[in-house]
Structures are given as structure tokens and as C-alpha cells.
PDB file of all heavy atoms in Angstrom:
ATOM      1  N   THR A   1     -41.010 -29.840 -41.269  1.00  0.00           N
ATOM      2  CA  THR A   1     -41.912 -28.905 -40.610  1.00  0.00           C
ATOM      3  C   THR A   1     -41.459 -27.466 -40.767  1.00  0.00           C
ATOM      4  O   THR A   1     -40.277 -27.181 -40.955  1.00  0.00           O
ATOM      5  CB  THR A   1     -42.035 -29.220 -39.118  1.00  0.00           C
ATOM      6  OG1 THR A   1     -40.738 -29.169 -38.510  1.00  0.00           O
ATOM      7  CG2 THR A   1     -42.627 -30.603 -38.906  1.00  0.00           C
ATOM      8  N   ASN A   2     -42.427 -26.573 -40.683  1.00  0.00           N
ATOM      9  CA  ASN A   2     -42.175 -25.143 -40.680  1.00  0.00           C
ATOM     10  C   ASN A   2     -43.035 -24.510 -39.608  1.00  0.00           C
ATOM     11  O   ASN A   2     -44.196 -24.884 -39.430  1.00  0.00           O
ATOM     12  CB  ASN A   2     -42.491 -24.522 -42.038  1.00  0.00           C
ATOM     13  CG  ASN A   2     -41.564 -24.989 -43.130  1.00  0.00           C
ATOM     14  OD1 ASN A   2     -40.387 -24.642 -43.145  1.00  0.00           O
ATOM     15  ND2 ASN A   2     -42.089 -25.775 -44.062  1.00  0.00           N
ATOM     16  N   TYR A   3     -42.468 -23.553 -38.905  1.00  0.00           N
ATOM     17  CA  TYR A   3     -43.180 -22.874 -37.841  1.00  0.00           C
ATOM     18  C   TYR A   3     -43.070 -21.370 -37.989  1.00  0.00           C
ATOM     19  O   TYR A   3     -42.045 -20.852 -38.440  1.00  0.00           O
ATOM     20  CB  TYR A   3     -42.612 -23.249 -36.471  1.00  0.00           C
ATOM     21  CG  TYR A   3     -42.774 -24.692 -36.086  1.00  0.00           C
ATOM     22  CD1 TYR A   3     -41.786 -25.619 -36.380  1.00  0.00           C
ATOM     23  CD2 TYR A   3     -43.910 -25.125 -35.412  1.00  0.00           C
ATOM     24  CE1 TYR A   3     -41.929 -26.948 -36.021  1.00  0.00           C
ATOM     25  CE2 TYR A   3     -44.057 -26.450 -35.049  1.00  0.00           C
ATOM     26  CZ  TYR A   3     -43.062 -27.360 -35.358  1.00  0.00           C
ATOM     27  OH  TYR A   3     -43.215 -28.675 -34.990  1.00  0.00           O
ATOM     28  N   ALA A   4     -44.125 -20.696 -37.588  1.00  0.00           N
ATOM     29  CA  ALA A   4     -44.042 -19.261 -37.456  1.00  0.00           C
ATOM     30  C   ALA A   4     -43.055 -18.923 -36.341  1.00  0.00           C
ATOM     31  O   ALA A   4     -42.959 -19.642 -35.343  1.00  0.00           O
ATOM     32  CB  ALA A   4     -45.413 -18.667 -37.134  1.00  0.00           C
ATOM     33  N   ASP A   5     -42.324 -17.842 -36.524  1.00  0.00           N
ATOM     34  CA  ASP A   5     -41.345 -17.454 -35.515  1.00  0.00           C
ATOM     35  C   ASP A   5     -41.983 -17.252 -34.143  1.00  0.00           C
ATOM     36  O   ASP A   5     -41.361 -17.519 -33.112  1.00  0.00           O
ATOM     37  CB  ASP A   5     -40.621 -16.179 -35.943  1.00  0.00           C
ATOM     38  CG  ASP A   5     -39.665 -16.404 -37.092  1.00  0.00           C
ATOM     39  OD1 ASP A   5     -39.280 -17.557 -37.342  1.00  0.00           O
ATOM     40  OD2 ASP A   5     -39.287 -15.406 -37.741  1.00  0.00           O
ATOM     41  N   SER A   6     -43.219 -16.800 -34.135  1.00  0.00           N
ATOM     42  CA  SER A   6     -43.891 -16.500 -32.887  1.00  0.00           C
ATOM     43  C   SER A   6     -44.220 -17.739 -32.055  1.00  0.00           C
ATOM     44  O   SER A   6     -44.467 -17.622 -30.855  1.00  0.00           O
ATOM     45  CB  SER A   6     -45.179 -15.711 -33.155  1.00  0.00           C
ATOM     46  OG  SER A   6     -46.057 -16.448 -33.981  1.00  0.00           O
ATOM     47  N   VAL A   7     -44.224 -18.898 -32.682  1.00  0.00           N
ATOM     48  CA  VAL A   7     -44.578 -20.121 -31.962  1.00  0.00           C
ATOM     49  C   VAL A   7     -43.442 -21.125 -31.891  1.00  0.00           C
ATOM     50  O   VAL A   7     -43.544 -22.121 -31.161  1.00  0.00           O
ATOM     51  CB  VAL A   7     -45.818 -20.806 -32.575  1.00  0.00           C
ATOM     52  CG1 VAL A   7     -46.973 -19.816 -32.705  1.00  0.00           C
ATOM     53  CG2 VAL A   7     -45.491 -21.429 -33.933  1.00  0.00           C
ATOM     54  N   LYS A   8     -42.388 -20.882 -32.615  1.00  0.00           N
ATOM     55  CA  LYS A   8     -41.278 -21.820 -32.654  1.00  0.00           C
ATOM     56  C   LYS A   8     -40.697 -22.015 -31.255  1.00  0.00           C
ATOM     57  O   LYS A   8     -40.421 -21.063 -30.537  1.00  0.00           O
ATOM     58  CB  LYS A   8     -40.202 -21.326 -33.614  1.00  0.00           C
ATOM     59  CG  LYS A   8     -39.187 -22.387 -33.998  1.00  0.00           C
ATOM     60  CD  LYS A   8     -38.293 -21.907 -35.134  1.00  0.00           C
ATOM     61  CE  LYS A   8     -37.372 -23.001 -35.627  1.00  0.00           C
ATOM     62  NZ  LYS A   8     -36.538 -22.550 -36.773  1.00  0.00           N
ATOM     63  N   GLY A   9     -40.528 -23.261 -30.892  1.00  0.00           N
ATOM     64  CA  GLY A   9     -40.043 -23.590 -29.564  1.00  0.00           C
ATOM     65  C   GLY A   9     -41.143 -23.835 -28.558  1.00  0.00           C
ATOM     66  O   GLY A   9     -40.887 -24.400 -27.485  1.00  0.00           O
ATOM     67  N   ARG A  10     -42.351 -23.415 -28.883  1.00  0.00           N
ATOM     68  CA  ARG A  10     -43.497 -23.623 -28.000  1.00  0.00           C
ATOM     69  C   ARG A  10     -44.505 -24.611 -28.575  1.00  0.00           C
ATOM     70  O   ARG A  10     -45.125 -25.361 -27.824  1.00  0.00           O
ATOM     71  CB  ARG A  10     -44.208 -22.301 -27.715  1.00  0.00           C
ATOM     72  CG  ARG A  10     -43.342 -21.271 -27.009  1.00  0.00           C
ATOM     73  CD  ARG A  10     -44.168 -20.057 -26.588  1.00  0.00           C
ATOM     74  NE  ARG A  10     -44.736 -19.352 -27.732  1.00  0.00           N
ATOM     75  CZ  ARG A  10     -46.040 -19.160 -27.932  1.00  0.00           C
ATOM     76  NH1 ARG A  10     -46.924 -19.631 -27.051  1.00  0.00           N
ATOM     77  NH2 ARG A  10     -46.463 -18.495 -28.995  1.00  0.00           N
ATOM     78  N   PHE A  11     -44.669 -24.586 -29.879  1.00  0.00           N
ATOM     79  CA  PHE A  11     -45.645 -25.454 -30.541  1.00  0.00           C
ATOM     80  C   PHE A  11     -44.925 -26.558 -31.304  1.00  0.00           C
ATOM     81  O   PHE A  11     -43.821 -26.354 -31.822  1.00  0.00           O
ATOM     82  CB  PHE A  11     -46.497 -24.666 -31.543  1.00  0.00           C
ATOM     83  CG  PHE A  11     -47.431 -23.660 -30.933  1.00  0.00           C
ATOM     84  CD1 PHE A  11     -47.405 -23.352 -29.588  1.00  0.00           C
ATOM     85  CD2 PHE A  11     -48.354 -23.011 -31.742  1.00  0.00           C
ATOM     86  CE1 PHE A  11     -48.267 -22.414 -29.033  1.00  0.00           C
ATOM     87  CE2 PHE A  11     -49.226 -22.073 -31.207  1.00  0.00           C
ATOM     88  CZ  PHE A  11     -49.188 -21.778 -29.863  1.00  0.00           C
ATOM     89  N   THR A  12     -45.572 -27.700 -31.396  1.00  0.00           N
ATOM     90  CA  THR A  12     -45.040 -28.817 -32.159  1.00  0.00           C
ATOM     91  C   THR A  12     -46.143 -29.406 -33.027  1.00  0.00           C
ATOM     92  O   THR A  12     -47.211 -29.763 -32.524  1.00  0.00           O
ATOM     93  CB  THR A  12     -44.481 -29.916 -31.249  1.00  0.00           C
ATOM     94  OG1 THR A  12     -43.450 -29.376 -30.412  1.00  0.00           O
ATOM     95  CG2 THR A  12     -43.886 -31.049 -32.086  1.00  0.00           C
ATOM     96  N   ILE A  13     -45.877 -29.495 -34.316  1.00  0.00           N
ATOM     97  CA  ILE A  13     -46.831 -30.102 -35.222  1.00  0.00           C
ATOM     98  C   ILE A  13     -46.385 -31.523 -35.536  1.00  0.00           C
ATOM     99  O   ILE A  13     -45.193 -31.803 -35.651  1.00  0.00           O
ATOM    100  CB  ILE A  13     -46.994 -29.272 -36.518  1.00  0.00           C
ATOM    101  CG1 ILE A  13     -48.155 -29.796 -37.360  1.00  0.00           C
ATOM    102  CG2 ILE A  13     -45.698 -29.246 -37.329  1.00  0.00           C
ATOM    103  CD1 ILE A  13     -48.530 -28.881 -38.520  1.00  0.00           C
ATOM    104  N   SER A  14     -47.339 -32.413 -35.658  1.00  0.00           N
ATOM    105  CA  SER A  14     -47.050 -33.794 -35.999  1.00  0.00           C
ATOM    106  C   SER A  14     -48.218 -34.359 -36.789  1.00  0.00           C
ATOM    107  O   SER A  14     -49.304 -33.771 -36.823  1.00  0.00           O
ATOM    108  CB  SER A  14     -46.783 -34.637 -34.752  1.00  0.00           C
ATOM    109  OG  SER A  14     -47.911 -34.649 -33.895  1.00  0.00           O
ATOM    110  N   ARG A  15     -47.996 -35.477 -37.418  1.00  0.00           N
ATOM    111  CA  ARG A  15     -49.074 -36.106 -38.176  1.00  0.00           C
ATOM    112  C   ARG A  15     -48.991 -37.616 -38.074  1.00  0.00           C
ATOM    113  O   ARG A  15     -47.911 -38.188 -37.936  1.00  0.00           O
ATOM    114  CB  ARG A  15     -49.060 -35.661 -39.652  1.00  0.00           C
ATOM    115  CG  ARG A  15     -47.825 -36.083 -40.435  1.00  0.00           C
ATOM    116  CD  ARG A  15     -47.749 -35.393 -41.791  1.00  0.00           C
ATOM    117  NE  ARG A  15     -48.627 -36.010 -42.782  1.00  0.00           N
ATOM    118  CZ  ARG A  15     -48.754 -35.583 -44.039  1.00  0.00           C
ATOM    119  NH1 ARG A  15     -48.082 -34.501 -44.435  1.00  0.00           N
ATOM    120  NH2 ARG A  15     -49.565 -36.204 -44.879  1.00  0.00           N
ATOM    121  N   ASP A  16     -50.144 -38.231 -38.138  1.00  0.00           N
ATOM    122  CA  ASP A  16     -50.271 -39.671 -38.124  1.00  0.00           C
ATOM    123  C   ASP A  16     -50.936 -40.050 -39.434  1.00  0.00           C
ATOM    124  O   ASP A  16     -52.155 -39.911 -39.584  1.00  0.00           O
ATOM    125  CB  ASP A  16     -51.095 -40.133 -36.928  1.00  0.00           C
ATOM    126  CG  ASP A  16     -51.163 -41.644 -36.806  1.00  0.00           C
ATOM    127  OD1 ASP A  16     -50.893 -42.348 -37.790  1.00  0.00           O
ATOM    128  OD2 ASP A  16     -51.488 -42.124 -35.705  1.00  0.00           O
ATOM    129  N   ASP A  17     -50.146 -40.504 -40.382  1.00  0.00           N
ATOM    130  CA  ASP A  17     -50.679 -40.799 -41.705  1.00  0.00           C
ATOM    131  C   ASP A  17     -51.661 -41.969 -41.693  1.00  0.00           C
ATOM    132  O   ASP A  17     -52.556 -42.033 -42.534  1.00  0.00           O
ATOM    133  CB  ASP A  17     -49.536 -41.085 -42.682  1.00  0.00           C
ATOM    134  CG  ASP A  17     -48.754 -39.842 -43.042  1.00  0.00           C
ATOM    135  OD1 ASP A  17     -49.281 -38.725 -42.865  1.00  0.00           O
ATOM    136  OD2 ASP A  17     -47.600 -39.975 -43.513  1.00  0.00           O
ATOM    137  N   ALA A  18     -51.488 -42.891 -40.760  1.00  0.00           N
ATOM    138  CA  ALA A  18     -52.407 -44.012 -40.661  1.00  0.00           C
ATOM    139  C   ALA A  18     -53.806 -43.552 -40.284  1.00  0.00           C
ATOM    140  O   ALA A  18     -54.800 -44.211 -40.609  1.00  0.00           O
ATOM    141  CB  ALA A  18     -51.899 -45.041 -39.653  1.00  0.00           C
ATOM    142  N   LYS A  19     -53.883 -42.424 -39.594  1.00  0.00           N
ATOM    143  CA  LYS A  19     -55.167 -41.879 -39.167  1.00  0.00           C
ATOM    144  C   LYS A  19     -55.573 -40.634 -39.943  1.00  0.00           C
ATOM    145  O   LYS A  19     -56.628 -40.060 -39.662  1.00  0.00           O
ATOM    146  CB  LYS A  19     -55.121 -41.548 -37.672  1.00  0.00           C
ATOM    147  CG  LYS A  19     -54.862 -42.744 -36.777  1.00  0.00           C
ATOM    148  CD  LYS A  19     -54.807 -42.316 -35.313  1.00  0.00           C
ATOM    149  CE  LYS A  19     -54.560 -43.506 -34.409  1.00  0.00           C
ATOM    150  NZ  LYS A  19     -54.471 -43.103 -32.983  1.00  0.00           N
ATOM    151  N   ASP A  20     -54.737 -40.223 -40.890  1.00  0.00           N
ATOM    152  CA  ASP A  20     -54.980 -38.986 -41.646  1.00  0.00           C
ATOM    153  C   ASP A  20     -55.257 -37.823 -40.699  1.00  0.00           C
ATOM    154  O   ASP A  20     -56.188 -37.035 -40.891  1.00  0.00           O
ATOM    155  CB  ASP A  20     -56.146 -39.169 -42.624  1.00  0.00           C
ATOM    156  CG  ASP A  20     -55.795 -40.082 -43.789  1.00  0.00           C
ATOM    157  OD1 ASP A  20     -54.598 -40.221 -44.111  1.00  0.00           O
ATOM    158  OD2 ASP A  20     -56.722 -40.662 -44.377  1.00  0.00           O
ATOM    159  N   THR A  21     -54.429 -37.725 -39.687  1.00  0.00           N
ATOM    160  CA  THR A  21     -54.641 -36.746 -38.636  1.00  0.00           C
ATOM    161  C   THR A  21     -53.383 -35.921 -38.400  1.00  0.00           C
ATOM    162  O   THR A  21     -52.267 -36.454 -38.410  1.00  0.00           O
ATOM    163  CB  THR A  21     -55.053 -37.438 -37.328  1.00  0.00           C
ATOM    164  OG1 THR A  21     -56.280 -38.155 -37.539  1.00  0.00           O
ATOM    165  CG2 THR A  21     -55.267 -36.425 -36.218  1.00  0.00           C
ATOM    166  N   VAL A  22     -53.575 -34.641 -38.184  1.00  0.00           N
ATOM    167  CA  VAL A  22     -52.488 -33.743 -37.836  1.00  0.00           C
ATOM    168  C   VAL A  22     -52.770 -33.169 -36.459  1.00  0.00           C
ATOM    169  O   VAL A  22     -53.925 -32.927 -36.095  1.00  0.00           O
ATOM    170  CB  VAL A  22     -52.314 -32.624 -38.887  1.00  0.00           C
ATOM    171  CG1 VAL A  22     -53.551 -31.733 -38.962  1.00  0.00           C
ATOM    172  CG2 VAL A  22     -51.064 -31.804 -38.600  1.00  0.00           C
ATOM    173  N   TYR A  23     -51.714 -32.969 -35.696  1.00  0.00           N
ATOM    174  CA  TYR A  23     -51.840 -32.464 -34.342  1.00  0.00           C
ATOM    175  C   TYR A  23     -51.018 -31.190 -34.178  1.00  0.00           C
ATOM    176  O   TYR A  23     -50.033 -30.971 -34.871  1.00  0.00           O
ATOM    177  CB  TYR A  23     -51.337 -33.490 -33.320  1.00  0.00           C
ATOM    178  CG  TYR A  23     -51.979 -34.845 -33.436  1.00  0.00           C
ATOM    179  CD1 TYR A  23     -51.396 -35.846 -34.208  1.00  0.00           C
ATOM    180  CD2 TYR A  23     -53.168 -35.127 -32.773  1.00  0.00           C
ATOM    181  CE1 TYR A  23     -51.980 -37.090 -34.315  1.00  0.00           C
ATOM    182  CE2 TYR A  23     -53.759 -36.375 -32.876  1.00  0.00           C
ATOM    183  CZ  TYR A  23     -53.164 -37.353 -33.646  1.00  0.00           C
ATOM    184  OH  TYR A  23     -53.750 -38.595 -33.745  1.00  0.00           O
ATOM    185  N   LEU A  24     -51.433 -30.384 -33.245  1.00  0.00           N
ATOM    186  CA  LEU A  24     -50.652 -29.225 -32.861  1.00  0.00           C
ATOM    187  C   LEU A  24     -50.595 -29.179 -31.345  1.00  0.00           C
ATOM    188  O   LEU A  24     -51.596 -28.881 -30.691  1.00  0.00           O
ATOM    189  CB  LEU A  24     -51.256 -27.931 -33.407  1.00  0.00           C
ATOM    190  CG  LEU A  24     -50.438 -26.663 -33.139  1.00  0.00           C
ATOM    191  CD1 LEU A  24     -49.122 -26.701 -33.921  1.00  0.00           C
ATOM    192  CD2 LEU A  24     -51.234 -25.412 -33.491  1.00  0.00           C
ATOM    193  N   GLN A  25     -49.442 -29.498 -30.808  1.00  0.00           N
ATOM    194  CA  GLN A  25     -49.228 -29.401 -29.376  1.00  0.00           C
ATOM    195  C   GLN A  25     -48.780 -27.987 -29.060  1.00  0.00           C
ATOM    196  O   GLN A  25     -47.753 -27.533 -29.560  1.00  0.00           O
ATOM    197  CB  GLN A  25     -48.172 -30.406 -28.916  1.00  0.00           C
ATOM    198  CG  GLN A  25     -47.853 -30.345 -27.428  1.00  0.00           C
ATOM    199  CD  GLN A  25     -49.022 -30.757 -26.567  1.00  0.00           C
ATOM    200  OE1 GLN A  25     -49.654 -31.778 -26.831  1.00  0.00           O
ATOM    201  NE2 GLN A  25     -49.315 -29.978 -25.539  1.00  0.00           N
ATOM    202  N   MET A  26     -49.538 -27.300 -28.248  1.00  0.00           N
ATOM    203  CA  MET A  26     -49.268 -25.913 -27.919  1.00  0.00           C
ATOM    204  C   MET A  26     -48.917 -25.809 -26.440  1.00  0.00           C
ATOM    205  O   MET A  26     -49.749 -26.091 -25.582  1.00  0.00           O
ATOM    206  CB  MET A  26     -50.471 -25.029 -28.249  1.00  0.00           C
ATOM    207  CG  MET A  26     -50.928 -25.143 -29.696  1.00  0.00           C
ATOM    208  SD  MET A  26     -52.261 -23.983 -30.105  1.00  0.00           S
ATOM    209  CE  MET A  26     -53.579 -24.655 -29.091  1.00  0.00           C
ATOM    210  N   ASN A  27     -47.703 -25.407 -26.178  1.00  0.00           N
ATOM    211  CA  ASN A  27     -47.223 -25.255 -24.812  1.00  0.00           C
ATOM    212  C   ASN A  27     -46.878 -23.803 -24.531  1.00  0.00           C
ATOM    213  O   ASN A  27     -46.637 -23.017 -25.444  1.00  0.00           O
ATOM    214  CB  ASN A  27     -45.997 -26.131 -24.571  1.00  0.00           C
ATOM    215  CG  ASN A  27     -46.277 -27.605 -24.730  1.00  0.00           C
ATOM    216  OD1 ASN A  27     -47.350 -28.085 -24.381  1.00  0.00           O
ATOM    217  ND2 ASN A  27     -45.295 -28.343 -25.250  1.00  0.00           N
ATOM    218  N   ARG A  28     -46.833 -23.473 -23.259  1.00  0.00           N
ATOM    219  CA  ARG A  28     -46.494 -22.120 -22.820  1.00  0.00           C
ATOM    220  C   ARG A  28     -47.304 -21.081 -23.587  1.00  0.00           C
ATOM    221  O   ARG A  28     -46.776 -20.120 -24.138  1.00  0.00           O
ATOM    222  CB  ARG A  28     -44.992 -21.862 -22.962  1.00  0.00           C
ATOM    223  CG  ARG A  28     -44.129 -22.896 -22.237  1.00  0.00           C
ATOM    224  CD  ARG A  28     -42.684 -22.465 -22.070  1.00  0.00           C
ATOM    225  NE  ARG A  28     -42.048 -22.055 -23.308  1.00  0.00           N
ATOM    226  CZ  ARG A  28     -41.534 -22.878 -24.206  1.00  0.00           C
ATOM    227  NH1 ARG A  28     -41.596 -24.186 -24.018  1.00  0.00           N
ATOM    228  NH2 ARG A  28     -40.956 -22.394 -25.293  1.00  0.00           N
ATOM    229  N   LEU A  29     -48.595 -21.298 -23.595  1.00  0.00           N
ATOM    230  CA  LEU A  29     -49.489 -20.433 -24.353  1.00  0.00           C
ATOM    231  C   LEU A  29     -49.490 -19.013 -23.804  1.00  0.00           C
ATOM    232  O   LEU A  29     -49.366 -18.786 -22.601  1.00  0.00           O
ATOM    233  CB  LEU A  29     -50.902 -20.999 -24.343  1.00  0.00           C
ATOM    234  CG  LEU A  29     -51.119 -22.180 -25.293  1.00  0.00           C
ATOM    235  CD1 LEU A  29     -52.346 -22.979 -24.893  1.00  0.00           C
ATOM    236  CD2 LEU A  29     -51.251 -21.676 -26.729  1.00  0.00           C
ATOM    237  N   LYS A  30     -49.641 -18.082 -24.718  1.00  0.00           N
ATOM    238  CA  LYS A  30     -49.665 -16.663 -24.401  1.00  0.00           C
ATOM    239  C   LYS A  30     -50.992 -16.066 -24.833  1.00  0.00           C
ATOM    240  O   LYS A  30     -51.640 -16.582 -25.738  1.00  0.00           O
ATOM    241  CB  LYS A  30     -48.527 -15.935 -25.125  1.00  0.00           C
ATOM    242  CG  LYS A  30     -47.138 -16.476 -24.836  1.00  0.00           C
ATOM    243  CD  LYS A  30     -46.100 -15.773 -25.691  1.00  0.00           C
ATOM    244  CE  LYS A  30     -44.705 -16.298 -25.423  1.00  0.00           C
ATOM    245  NZ  LYS A  30     -43.694 -15.622 -26.285  1.00  0.00           N
ATOM    246  N   PRO A  31     -51.406 -14.965 -24.222  1.00  0.00           N
ATOM    247  CA  PRO A  31     -52.654 -14.328 -24.652  1.00  0.00           C
ATOM    248  C   PRO A  31     -52.674 -14.002 -26.147  1.00  0.00           C
ATOM    249  O   PRO A  31     -53.741 -14.077 -26.768  1.00  0.00           O
ATOM    250  CB  PRO A  31     -52.707 -13.052 -23.805  1.00  0.00           C
ATOM    251  CG  PRO A  31     -51.986 -13.422 -22.557  1.00  0.00           C
ATOM    252  CD  PRO A  31     -50.858 -14.314 -23.015  1.00  0.00           C
ATOM    253  N   GLU A  32     -51.542 -13.666 -26.714  1.00  0.00           N
ATOM    254  CA  GLU A  32     -51.486 -13.355 -28.129  1.00  0.00           C
ATOM    255  C   GLU A  32     -51.688 -14.571 -29.027  1.00  0.00           C
ATOM    256  O   GLU A  32     -51.794 -14.433 -30.246  1.00  0.00           O
ATOM    257  CB  GLU A  32     -50.173 -12.646 -28.496  1.00  0.00           C
ATOM    258  CG  GLU A  32     -48.936 -13.326 -27.949  1.00  0.00           C
ATOM    259  CD  GLU A  32     -48.446 -12.712 -26.648  1.00  0.00           C
ATOM    260  OE1 GLU A  32     -49.278 -12.477 -25.750  1.00  0.00           O
ATOM    261  OE2 GLU A  32     -47.226 -12.464 -26.528  1.00  0.00           O
TER     262      GLU A  32
END
């Protein structure tokens, strides 16, 4: 995985190859 510095530690990307699906869990969201 690779993350933008602005989201590292707050966002988590994952994928489920069986479902051909990618997810983005976004925590501690900011207005920016």
C-alpha cells in the first residue's frame, strides 16, 4: 500500500480480490 502523507494514519485501503472490490476506511476526517 501507499498513502498520501495527508491521510497516512487516518485512512486504510484494502481489497477483496474475490469480490473485485477495494475499500477506503476513513477515520478522523477533517474538513480538508
